[in-house]
Structures are given as C-alpha cells and as structure tokens.
Amino acid sequence: MTLRIDQFHTNVSPGSSITNQILNLQDMLRGMGYHSRIVCEQMPDRFPERIESMAAYTRRASAADVLLLHFSLNYSQTVMDWLKALPCRKVLIYHNITPHAWFAGINNVYWEAARTGRAQLSQLRPLVQAGWGDSAYNCRELQANNWEQTGVLPIIFNPARVKGRAERKILKRWQKGVNILFVGRISPNKRLEDVILSFYYFKQFVNAEARLFLMGAAGGMERYLNYLQTLVQRLALRDVFFTGHTLPKDWRAYYQIADIYLSMSEHEGFGIPLLESMYFEVPIIAYKAAAIPETLGGSGILISKKNFAAIAELMGLVVEDHALRAEIIAGQNRRLQDFMPSAVKPRLEGLLNQLDL
C-alpha cells in the first residue's frame, strides 16, 4: 500500500511564495512515489486536481497517513480543533511569523494574528511528531519554544515556475539607466524607509538618474505605505515607484531591468526574493539580519551597519565595477543550486526517514 503524505494550509493562491513551495513539495512527493493532496480550509478556484477540503480529508484520514502543516501566521480555532481530532501523524513546516510588535499602530488585525500565531507554536507542539523550518533560523525559534525534533527543509526553487514572458512595455521604458529593486510585501519589518534613504543618497551623490522600484502589495498596510510616501515627498525624491501587486509578466520585467536588489529588512524567515534575484542575475546588497545571511550562504553582499551614504557608495561600485558585478553574480549562481529540486530532494528524504515511515 502506497503511503499518503498530504499537506495542509489555510489557503493557496497563485503566485504566493508559500503556495509555490506547497506545489513544488507535492510534485516532489509524488515523484518519490507517495500519494499526495493539498488540504485547505478555504477552498480556492484553482488547482482542483491537487486540492481537497478539510471535511473530505477527515473522511479518509488514517493513522498511517502523514500531514504536513504549513504555518505562516495563525490557525483558526476550527483548524486547531480539527487537528486535535485527526488520527494521522503530523509535521509542522514553519515559515516564520513576523513578531507582532512590528504591526503596532499599523494594523491591529495583523498585530493580533501574529501574536496568536506565535502563541500557537506551543499549543501545536504536542500535536505533531516534528517541526521543520525553511531555515535554521526558523528551527531555532521552534527550539526556543521547546520543540525537540526539528530539521531544515529549504525552499525549493523551481525555475519552471518563474519562466515566462516579460512585459515589453516595462522593458522598453525602463531598461536604460540604473534601476534599484526591492520585492516584498509593504510591511514595517521590511524597513523600506531605509531602502528609500539609501536610494536618496545614491541619487543625490552617485547617480542622479537612478530609479527605485518597490514591488509588493500594501493591503492592510496603508498606514505604513502613507508614511513611506510622505517620506519620499519630504525628501523631494524623484523616481521612486510603488508598483503594488504585479502580474507575473510585469514581475519578470522588473527583475530583468534591475541593476541591484537592495534589502534593508530586519525580519525574514527565509527571503525568497533573494533566490529570485539570484535567478535573474541581479546583484544583492542586504542588511545582515534574521535568516538573510543563511539564505545568501556567502553570496551577495551583506552589510552590518545602516550607514546610508556608505551603502550608496557601495551601490555605485557594484553598478560601475563590471568585474566585481560578475563575481557577485557567479557566487549567487552557485548558491542558487542549493535550492534546486535535485538538491532539496535528499534533504526531504532524510527528514522523512527520521519519522520512521
């Protein structure tokens, strides 16, 4: 009888980083010979051949099955009660939860959800057999909550999910000149004000024609977005573009025109845009915080102090010194291989073996 290893997440949506990981894991599990479905609390319109409801899973769940629980914010009480009643073996996959303090005064709903989610780490521990993190950083958070059996299951980077057509209008309009890029949700922990201040010095003293693209949705973070837009206005800073949520073809185009990926984020459980920047061969400059050093793995450039004038000079060096730029890109290309399916598959097999399936 073929073993079932299914996955649970509250919802899946096209283009989301966690959804991509779930789909990549399902493909990998099926390729290893397991039956595998995705169980959702909120049933999406997409992927019907891959997904089923919690009720459908309940009807067929057995003690021999394994359910991988993706955890990235918090679970409803309905889900918590459902998990307690399930007979199957369970493993938590922890994608990290931004500490709730970051959302104080910005969004009370996010503040409460993040606070509840971190409290649930202790509640979930007795319900599961093991806890896996995207990074060792995430595993250390589990261990701080008295999780004993932990392991690192890295993000899978599947080039097939990022290939495709890039929007020609964006390429034509912005390809010439120097473009600085950051990708991610407009959220206080990303410290986009520090990206903007670094860009200010770069534009004032290094390259007056440079542009900054901040690519990410701001839903629920409107107060923070307003603060950032006010900062741009007070600095009388031109050429700062908040793209909002983008279509895949636009997303590809912004990466293709980028000369530098600049991250000042102070909390990341992994940092998937770092992998995307590696793939599109965009040199990375990132603040040394949370899981970012681990994800870069010696590639890109890490900075330990937010001296905006010095960061601007560094950005100029990366743009102008072609030998340095080529060296950075080569290192990033080597690091990206560690997240390809062929590299992650043995890690998954090893973690599954520890479960004594």
Foldseek 3Di string as FASTA:
>chain_A
DAAAEEEEDQDADPPDLVNVQRVLVCVLCVVVPHHYAYEHCDYDPPDPVRYDYLVVCQVPADQRHEYEYEAEWADDPVVLVSLQPGNYAYEYEYQDYDQLVQCVVFFVVSSVRRVRSLVCLLVCQVSHDAYEYLFVLRVVSSVVSVGDHYYHQHRADDVVSQDDAADVVLCVPQQPDAEEEEEDELTRLQVVVLVVLLVLLLCVPPNVPYAYEYEEAHVSRVVSVVVSVVSCVVSVHPRYYDPHHDDSNHVSSSLLSHQEYETAGADGSACVVLLVNLVSLHAYEYEPHRCVCVNLVPAHHYDDDSPSNVSSVVSNCCNPVVVVSVVRSVSSPVSSVCNHPVNSSVSVVVSVVVVVD
